Protein backbone atom coordinates (compact mmCIF):
# COMPACT_ATOMS: atom_id res chain seq x y z
CA UNK A 1 15.93 8.93 15.76
CA UNK A 2 16.94 10.61 12.55
CA UNK A 3 15.71 14.10 11.73
CA UNK A 4 13.03 13.63 8.97
CA UNK A 5 12.58 17.37 8.36
CA UNK A 6 15.66 17.08 5.96
CA UNK A 7 13.75 14.71 3.84
CA UNK A 8 10.68 16.99 3.69
CA UNK A 9 12.63 19.65 1.98
CA UNK A 10 13.06 17.07 -1.01
CA UNK A 11 9.48 17.30 -1.78
CA UNK A 12 8.58 20.28 -4.03
CA UNK A 13 4.82 19.91 -3.67
CA UNK A 14 4.95 20.36 0.18
CA UNK A 15 5.95 24.03 -0.31
CA UNK A 16 2.54 24.90 -1.99
CA UNK A 17 0.32 27.68 -0.47
CA UNK A 18 -3.46 28.15 -0.05
CA UNK A 19 -5.26 31.09 1.45
CA UNK A 20 -1.80 32.48 2.61
CA UNK A 21 -0.92 29.09 4.45
CA UNK A 22 1.36 26.18 3.65
CA UNK A 23 -0.60 23.29 2.46
CA UNK A 24 -0.87 20.24 4.80
CA UNK A 25 -1.00 16.97 2.96
CA UNK A 26 -2.89 14.63 5.07
CA UNK A 27 -4.45 12.93 2.10
CA UNK A 28 -1.57 10.51 1.81
CA UNK A 29 -3.52 7.21 1.67
CA UNK A 30 -4.89 8.14 -1.63
CA UNK A 31 -1.42 8.95 -2.89
CA UNK A 32 1.84 10.38 -1.53
CA UNK A 33 3.86 13.11 -2.87
CA UNK A 34 7.23 12.63 -4.65
CA UNK A 35 10.76 13.74 -3.95
CA UNK A 36 12.87 15.41 -6.46
CA UNK A 37 14.94 12.48 -7.20
CA UNK A 38 11.63 10.76 -8.71
CA UNK A 39 10.81 13.77 -10.85
CA UNK A 40 14.40 13.93 -12.09
CA UNK A 41 14.24 10.15 -12.97
CA UNK A 42 11.00 10.67 -14.84
CA UNK A 43 12.21 13.61 -16.57
CA UNK A 44 15.67 12.10 -17.47
CA UNK A 45 13.63 9.06 -19.11
CA UNK A 46 11.41 11.28 -21.15
CA UNK A 47 14.04 13.55 -22.22
CA UNK A 48 16.91 11.18 -22.72
CA UNK A 49 16.01 7.69 -23.78
CA UNK A 50 12.12 7.48 -24.25
CA UNK A 51 11.52 4.41 -26.43
CA UNK A 52 9.99 1.10 -26.75
CA UNK A 53 11.75 -2.22 -25.70
CA UNK A 54 14.05 -4.58 -27.64
CA UNK A 55 15.33 -2.32 -30.28
CA UNK A 56 18.71 -2.16 -31.57
CA UNK A 57 19.59 1.40 -30.74
CA UNK A 58 20.57 3.34 -27.68
CA UNK A 59 17.36 4.55 -26.30
CA UNK A 60 15.64 1.19 -26.57
CA UNK A 61 18.68 -0.52 -25.07
CA UNK A 62 18.59 1.89 -22.15
CA UNK A 63 15.04 1.31 -21.59
CA UNK A 64 15.63 -2.49 -21.52
CA UNK A 65 18.29 -1.88 -18.87
CA UNK A 66 16.04 0.60 -16.92
CA UNK A 67 13.35 -2.23 -16.75
CA UNK A 68 15.95 -4.59 -15.43
CA UNK A 69 16.85 -2.15 -12.87
CA UNK A 70 13.32 -1.45 -11.59
CA UNK A 71 12.62 -5.24 -11.38
CA UNK A 72 15.72 -5.67 -9.18
CA UNK A 73 14.86 -2.58 -7.13
CA UNK A 74 11.41 -3.91 -6.15
CA UNK A 75 12.89 -7.41 -5.60
CA UNK A 76 15.25 -5.68 -2.91
CA UNK A 77 12.30 -3.56 -1.63
CA UNK A 78 10.28 -6.67 -0.88
CA UNK A 79 13.12 -9.07 -0.32
CA UNK A 80 12.04 -11.37 -3.20
CA UNK A 81 14.20 -14.35 -3.97
CA UNK A 82 14.41 -13.11 -7.71
CA UNK A 83 13.57 -10.23 -9.87
CA UNK A 84 11.58 -12.68 -11.98
CA UNK A 85 9.12 -12.74 -9.01
CA UNK A 86 8.29 -9.04 -9.56
CA UNK A 87 5.54 -8.37 -12.31
CA UNK A 88 5.01 -4.63 -12.98
CA UNK A 89 1.81 -2.98 -14.09
CA UNK A 90 -0.42 0.09 -14.06
CA UNK A 91 -1.84 -0.34 -10.56
CA UNK A 92 -2.76 -2.79 -7.95
CA UNK A 93 -6.46 -3.08 -9.17
CA UNK A 94 -5.56 -4.12 -12.65
CA UNK A 95 -2.82 -6.57 -11.66
CA UNK A 96 -5.24 -8.11 -8.92
CA UNK A 97 -7.91 -8.39 -11.70
CA UNK A 98 -5.42 -10.17 -13.93
CA UNK A 99 -4.32 -12.39 -11.08
CA UNK A 100 -8.02 -13.42 -10.26
CA UNK A 101 -8.61 -14.23 -14.01
CA UNK A 102 -5.60 -16.63 -14.06
CA UNK A 103 -6.34 -18.10 -10.59
CA UNK A 104 -9.95 -18.50 -11.52
CA UNK A 105 -9.16 -20.57 -14.71
CA UNK A 106 -7.86 -23.37 -12.40
CA UNK A 107 -10.90 -23.27 -10.04
CA UNK A 108 -13.98 -25.48 -10.04
CA UNK A 109 -17.63 -24.95 -8.94
CA UNK A 110 -17.80 -25.21 -5.24
CA UNK A 111 -14.23 -24.11 -4.39
CA UNK A 112 -13.97 -21.33 -1.98
CA UNK A 113 -12.08 -18.10 -1.60
CA UNK A 114 -11.86 -16.19 1.78
CA UNK A 115 -11.97 -12.25 1.74
CA UNK A 116 -12.41 -9.92 4.70
CA UNK A 117 -14.81 -7.11 5.78
CA UNK A 118 -11.68 -5.01 6.21
CA UNK A 119 -10.41 -4.88 2.74
CA UNK A 120 -10.14 -2.24 -0.08
CA UNK A 121 -12.57 -3.36 -2.72
CA UNK A 122 -9.75 -3.96 -5.25
CA UNK A 123 -9.00 -7.11 -3.11
CA UNK A 124 -12.71 -8.01 -2.85
CA UNK A 125 -14.43 -7.32 -6.24
CA UNK A 126 -11.92 -9.36 -8.26
CA UNK A 127 -12.74 -12.44 -6.31
CA UNK A 128 -16.52 -11.84 -6.18
CA UNK A 129 -16.25 -11.80 -10.06
CA UNK A 130 -15.40 -15.53 -9.80
CA UNK A 131 -18.79 -16.41 -8.55
CA UNK A 132 -20.03 -16.63 -12.08
CA UNK A 133 -17.70 -19.71 -12.23
CA UNK A 134 -19.42 -21.21 -9.30
CA UNK A 135 -16.68 -20.17 -6.82
CA UNK A 136 -18.07 -19.23 -3.30
CA UNK A 137 -16.77 -16.16 -1.73
CA UNK A 138 -16.58 -16.36 2.05
CA UNK A 139 -16.45 -13.32 4.32
CA UNK A 140 -14.23 -13.02 7.46
CA UNK A 141 -15.78 -10.42 9.84
CA UNK A 142 -14.28 -7.56 11.67
CA UNK A 143 -14.65 -6.26 15.25
CA UNK A 144 -16.54 -2.96 14.45
CA UNK A 145 -15.57 -1.43 17.87
CA UNK A 146 -11.95 -1.23 16.90
CA UNK A 147 -11.89 -2.36 13.24
CA UNK A 148 -9.67 -5.31 13.95
CA UNK A 149 -9.76 -8.70 12.39
CA UNK A 150 -12.18 -11.32 14.02
CA UNK A 151 -9.99 -14.30 14.23
CA UNK A 152 -12.72 -16.60 15.23
CA UNK A 153 -14.76 -15.68 12.13
CA UNK A 154 -11.62 -15.96 9.90
CA UNK A 155 -10.83 -19.35 11.15
CA UNK A 156 -14.44 -20.55 10.86
CA UNK A 157 -14.33 -19.87 7.02
CA UNK A 158 -11.73 -22.37 6.20
CA UNK A 159 -12.76 -25.75 4.82
CA UNK A 160 -11.32 -28.36 2.58
CA UNK A 161 -12.32 -26.41 -0.43
CA UNK A 162 -10.48 -23.31 0.49
CA UNK A 163 -8.21 -22.34 -2.34
CA UNK A 164 -7.09 -18.78 -1.58
CA UNK A 165 -7.25 -16.17 1.15
CA UNK A 166 -6.97 -12.42 0.34
CA UNK A 167 -6.06 -10.19 3.27
CA UNK A 168 -4.93 -6.72 3.56
CA UNK A 169 -1.55 -5.89 5.42
CA UNK A 170 -2.91 -2.47 6.66
CA UNK A 171 -6.56 -0.92 6.29
CA UNK A 172 -6.41 1.99 3.91
CA UNK A 173 -9.52 3.52 5.83
CA UNK A 174 -8.69 3.01 9.50
CA UNK A 175 -5.15 2.06 9.79
CA UNK A 176 -5.31 -1.37 11.36
CA UNK A 177 -2.16 -3.60 10.61
CA UNK A 178 -2.99 -7.27 10.29
CA UNK A 179 -0.92 -10.11 11.56
CA UNK A 180 -0.58 -11.37 7.85
CA UNK A 181 2.17 -13.95 8.68
CA UNK A 182 -0.41 -15.82 10.86
CA UNK A 183 -3.14 -15.54 8.15
CA UNK A 184 -0.51 -16.90 5.42
CA UNK A 185 0.24 -19.81 7.90
CA UNK A 186 -3.52 -20.69 8.42
CA UNK A 187 -3.91 -20.59 4.63
CA UNK A 188 -0.97 -22.96 3.98
CA UNK A 189 -2.18 -25.18 6.72
CA UNK A 190 -5.32 -25.70 4.81
CA UNK A 191 -3.46 -26.16 1.41
CA UNK A 192 -4.64 -22.61 0.11
CA UNK A 193 -2.69 -19.82 -1.46
CA UNK A 194 -2.56 -16.37 0.30
CA UNK A 195 -2.56 -12.86 -1.47
CA UNK A 196 -1.51 -9.92 0.67
CA UNK A 197 -2.69 -6.42 -0.44
CA UNK A 198 0.24 -4.16 0.91
CA UNK A 199 -0.80 -1.08 -0.94
CA UNK A 200 -1.39 0.67 2.33
CA UNK A 201 1.27 -0.82 4.38
CA UNK A 202 3.93 -0.02 1.70
CA UNK A 203 5.04 3.50 2.85
CA UNK A 204 4.80 2.67 6.53
CA UNK A 205 7.11 -0.26 7.31
CA UNK A 206 9.40 -3.03 6.10
CA UNK A 207 8.01 -5.84 3.86
CA UNK A 208 9.80 -9.17 3.60
CA UNK A 209 7.95 -11.61 1.47
CA UNK A 210 10.40 -14.53 2.13
CA UNK A 211 9.62 -14.20 5.83
CA UNK A 212 5.98 -13.81 5.31
CA UNK A 213 5.97 -16.80 2.93
CA UNK A 214 3.14 -15.22 1.08
CA UNK A 215 2.31 -16.59 -2.43
CA UNK A 216 1.31 -13.17 -3.80
CA UNK A 217 1.73 -9.43 -2.47
CA UNK A 218 0.61 -6.45 -4.32
CA UNK A 219 1.45 -2.73 -3.86
CA UNK A 220 1.44 0.44 -5.66
CA UNK A 221 4.34 2.86 -6.39
CA UNK A 222 2.35 6.05 -6.01
CA UNK A 223 1.55 5.09 -2.35
CA UNK A 224 5.24 5.10 -1.34
CA UNK A 225 6.55 8.19 -2.97
CA UNK A 226 6.77 7.14 -6.56
CA UNK A 227 4.82 7.41 -9.72
CA UNK A 228 1.46 5.68 -10.68
CA UNK A 229 2.58 2.14 -10.97
CA UNK A 230 1.62 -1.30 -9.79
CA UNK A 231 3.78 -4.01 -8.49
CA UNK A 232 3.00 -7.78 -7.97
CA UNK A 233 5.08 -10.23 -6.10
CA UNK A 234 4.50 -13.87 -6.81
CA UNK A 235 6.36 -16.97 -5.84
CA UNK A 236 8.14 -18.18 -8.93
CA UNK A 237 7.03 -21.73 -8.52
CA UNK A 238 3.45 -20.67 -8.38
CA UNK A 239 3.63 -18.04 -11.21
CA UNK A 240 5.21 -20.65 -13.28
CA UNK A 241 2.15 -22.95 -12.98
CA UNK A 242 -0.34 -20.27 -13.78
CA UNK A 243 -1.94 -19.59 -17.12
CA UNK A 244 -1.09 -16.14 -18.60
CA UNK A 245 -3.71 -14.44 -20.72
CA UNK A 246 -1.22 -12.62 -23.20
CA UNK A 247 -0.76 -11.58 -26.73
CA UNK A 248 1.02 -14.37 -28.78
CA UNK A 249 4.13 -12.47 -29.63
CA UNK A 250 4.81 -11.77 -25.95
CA UNK A 251 7.48 -13.68 -24.22
CA UNK A 252 6.55 -16.69 -22.23
CA UNK A 253 9.13 -16.37 -19.58
CA UNK A 254 8.76 -14.78 -16.15
CA UNK A 255 7.81 -11.85 -15.49
CA UNK A 256 7.15 -11.02 -19.06
CA UNK A 257 4.16 -13.10 -19.76
CA UNK A 258 2.25 -11.33 -17.00
CA UNK A 259 3.31 -7.78 -18.03
CA UNK A 260 0.54 -6.97 -20.55
CA UNK A 261 1.32 -4.43 -23.22
CA UNK A 262 3.83 -1.62 -23.13
CA UNK A 263 4.51 -0.52 -19.40
CA UNK A 264 4.65 2.99 -18.12
CA UNK A 265 8.30 3.31 -18.73
CA UNK A 266 8.64 6.85 -17.28
CA UNK A 267 6.71 5.89 -14.23
CA UNK A 268 8.91 2.95 -13.66
CA UNK A 269 12.14 4.98 -14.16
CA UNK A 270 10.46 7.21 -11.46
CA UNK A 271 10.00 4.20 -9.21
CA UNK A 272 13.73 3.60 -9.23
CA UNK A 273 14.06 7.02 -7.83
CA UNK A 274 11.70 6.17 -4.90
CA UNK A 275 13.90 3.16 -4.10
CA UNK A 276 17.03 5.30 -4.22
CA UNK A 277 15.22 7.75 -1.78
CA UNK A 278 14.61 5.02 0.67
CA UNK A 279 18.24 3.65 0.29
CA UNK A 280 19.49 7.29 1.32
CA UNK A 281 17.36 7.20 4.30
CA UNK A 282 18.59 3.74 5.28
CA UNK A 283 22.21 4.77 5.05
CA UNK A 284 21.64 7.94 6.98
CA UNK A 285 19.77 6.03 9.89
CA UNK A 286 22.35 2.98 9.72
CA UNK A 287 24.16 4.21 12.95
CA UNK A 288 20.59 3.92 14.73
CA UNK A 289 20.16 0.27 13.77
CA UNK A 290 23.85 -0.83 13.54
CA UNK A 291 23.12 -4.05 15.40
CA UNK A 292 20.01 -5.06 13.45
CA UNK A 293 19.16 -6.54 10.08
CA UNK A 294 22.41 -8.56 9.89
CA UNK A 295 20.52 -11.02 7.73
CA UNK A 296 20.32 -8.53 4.94
CA UNK A 297 23.32 -6.98 3.03
CA UNK A 298 23.62 -4.01 0.67
CA UNK A 299 20.56 -1.97 -0.51
CA UNK A 300 18.43 -4.79 0.96
CA UNK A 301 19.62 -3.90 4.30
CA UNK A 302 19.38 -0.10 3.78
CA UNK A 303 15.74 -0.48 2.69
CA UNK A 304 14.87 -2.45 5.73
CA UNK A 305 16.42 0.20 8.07
CA UNK A 306 14.78 3.04 6.10
CA UNK A 307 11.32 1.53 6.46
CA UNK A 308 11.96 0.75 10.12
CA UNK A 309 13.13 4.26 10.80
CA UNK A 310 10.01 5.51 9.00
CA UNK A 311 7.85 3.15 11.00
CA UNK A 312 9.30 4.38 14.43
CA UNK A 313 8.85 7.99 13.62
CA UNK A 314 5.21 7.60 12.35
CA UNK A 315 4.56 5.96 15.68
CA UNK A 316 5.24 9.23 17.39
CA UNK A 317 2.92 11.01 14.92
CA UNK A 318 0.08 8.47 15.54
CA UNK A 319 0.52 9.05 19.30
CA UNK A 320 0.26 12.76 18.95
CA UNK A 321 -2.62 12.78 16.66
CA UNK A 322 -4.45 10.31 18.53
CA UNK A 323 -4.10 12.35 21.84
CA UNK A 324 -5.36 15.59 19.99
CA UNK A 325 -8.29 13.59 18.40
CA UNK A 326 -9.46 12.11 21.63
CA UNK A 327 -9.33 15.67 23.18
CA UNK A 328 -12.01 16.94 20.81
CA UNK A 329 -15.65 16.46 21.92
CA UNK A 330 -16.93 16.85 18.18
CA UNK A 331 -14.73 14.01 16.89
CA UNK A 332 -15.60 10.29 16.82
CA UNK A 333 -12.68 8.04 16.03
CA UNK A 334 -13.20 4.55 14.29
CA UNK A 335 -10.35 2.00 14.73
CA UNK A 336 -7.79 1.32 17.21
CA UNK A 337 -7.57 4.27 19.68
CA UNK A 338 -5.67 2.57 22.49
CA UNK A 339 -2.16 4.33 22.79
CA UNK A 340 -0.74 1.06 23.92
CA UNK A 341 -1.55 -0.60 20.55
CA UNK A 342 0.24 1.88 18.11
CA UNK A 343 2.13 -1.17 16.91
CA UNK A 344 -0.97 -2.45 15.38
CA UNK A 345 -1.76 0.47 13.36
CA UNK A 346 -0.28 2.94 10.83
CA UNK A 347 -1.05 6.76 11.07
CA UNK A 348 -4.38 6.61 9.09
CA UNK A 349 -7.33 7.54 10.98
CA UNK A 350 -11.14 7.44 10.13
CA UNK A 351 -13.13 10.13 11.90
CA UNK A 352 -16.51 11.73 11.73
CA UNK A 353 -17.20 15.43 12.78
CA UNK A 354 -20.56 15.85 14.77
CA UNK A 355 -22.87 18.28 12.78
CA UNK A 356 -20.96 17.78 9.43
CA UNK A 357 -21.11 15.45 6.72
CA UNK A 358 -17.49 14.03 5.98
CA UNK A 359 -17.66 16.10 2.67
CA UNK A 360 -18.60 19.21 4.45
CA UNK A 361 -15.76 18.76 7.06
CA UNK A 362 -13.21 18.12 4.35
CA UNK A 363 -14.33 21.34 2.52
CA UNK A 364 -13.87 23.25 5.69
CA UNK A 365 -10.44 22.03 6.44
CA UNK A 366 -9.55 22.82 2.87
CA UNK A 367 -10.23 26.65 3.69
CA UNK A 368 -7.37 26.17 6.29
CA UNK A 369 -5.04 24.63 3.56
CA UNK A 370 -5.48 21.05 5.23
CA UNK A 371 -5.94 18.10 2.56
CA UNK A 372 -7.96 15.20 3.95
CA UNK A 373 -10.13 12.62 2.14
CA UNK A 374 -13.73 11.93 2.53
CA UNK A 375 -16.07 9.09 1.49
CA UNK A 376 -15.44 5.33 1.52
CA UNK A 377 -12.09 5.49 -0.39
CA UNK A 378 -13.19 2.10 -1.95
CA UNK A 379 -13.07 0.57 1.46
CA UNK A 380 -16.79 -0.35 0.97
CA UNK A 381 -16.80 -3.51 3.12
CA UNK A 382 -15.67 -1.85 6.29
CA UNK A 383 -17.60 1.31 5.85
CA UNK A 384 -20.74 -0.77 5.31
CA UNK A 385 -19.98 -2.96 8.34
CA UNK A 386 -19.62 0.20 10.62
CA UNK A 387 -22.84 1.71 9.33
CA UNK A 388 -20.89 4.74 7.71
CA UNK A 389 -21.57 4.21 4.04
CA UNK A 390 -25.05 5.63 4.21
CA UNK A 391 -23.85 8.64 6.15
CA UNK A 392 -21.14 9.58 3.44
CA UNK A 393 -18.29 7.59 4.87
CA UNK A 394 -15.81 9.18 7.16
CA UNK A 395 -12.97 11.78 7.04
CA UNK A 396 -9.64 10.13 6.55
CA UNK A 397 -6.52 11.73 8.14
CA UNK A 398 -3.55 9.74 6.81
CA UNK A 399 0.11 10.83 7.71
CA UNK A 400 3.37 9.68 6.36
CA UNK A 401 7.14 10.43 7.40
CA UNK A 402 7.11 13.87 5.83
CA UNK A 403 4.41 15.15 8.02
CA UNK A 404 5.18 16.97 11.19
CA UNK A 405 3.95 17.36 14.83
CA UNK A 406 3.34 21.16 13.99
CA UNK A 407 1.00 20.10 11.13
CA UNK A 408 -0.83 17.97 13.52
CA UNK A 409 -1.35 20.89 15.89
CA UNK A 410 -2.83 22.87 13.05
CA UNK A 411 -5.21 20.21 12.20
CA UNK A 412 -6.31 19.92 15.94
CA UNK A 413 -7.05 23.63 15.98
CA UNK A 414 -8.89 23.60 12.71
CA UNK A 415 -11.09 20.43 13.83
CA UNK A 416 -11.68 22.31 17.20
CA UNK A 417 -12.94 25.28 15.36
CA UNK A 418 -15.49 23.26 13.61
């Protein structure tokens, strides 16, 4: 396993101090920090070729070239067939709202959409809005004791009227990783489309939209060490058939007709830097995975190696943190707590601290320079299902590959002190 400490040094924000201590960023599920290469890419754009598109001068031409590069970079990251299947936007929420409006235009009263009690509200509310068109929104339940998908409930929601299934790849609140390939198979078996919310899974493991066979997949650049940007993958044949709500002068080809207005150019330039960062990790880790991923080549192979190396290291962090949390009498863990099932989760843990509200616990941890999140993090459905919403939600401890085992020890000591 490669030494991830060398990559940690590439993140300027991880050197910050508070109360004489180095700040620990365990708030990553809300947004990760960025490596220097991303900062440089943003700075280079703003200082060197900041312009709008399609002009007959150097800065505009370079901007057009950068946009081609970022579409291709994300196609490589997700293993899309073509860069034309990559739609860029401001964030996952706005892209999903746009998608629901376009899909909703083709639905009729009585048609059905399946969502789950595990999902972030950005993958629930856009579909609930279609109820005004007479579309029925059906909920697949979860098992509250370990926050895993209730497959019996999911299967029971399908009918001849099912048109779409919206499912999260990984829970942003409790870390559960869903078998989305099986959900996609079930959706297609019933003649329905499937959208995968990969926002939270994005920084934690490899994604291959062709192997998954999903119709749509959404993710956010700021969740995998890039700027605040959103990405939508859609099968070209599906996007081609959808109506695009666009201004009249906008091009009608893919992906232009779904990219509303002027994009966040500097952010997208930084997104290229995030992919370059992963590419470096993949090349460094190549010897550990020399006999794997032969079906990929070039940057696509490096990216799959990088995300697999990250996943493998993060499982050691999950095991360590889980063991520490289970040893604390004042902590209640929600979600998968079985060390034999680490492959079914990412290192994101929702907990409560006895005698403290989540808000109070988060404030106390910050005194020790430890950043965690509190509340519902827009994961409204699972919080209500677990009875946590009326209690202020939970404390979310979310790790990524730049976190360390030493930081986990510091967190455990601080939680014990509470």
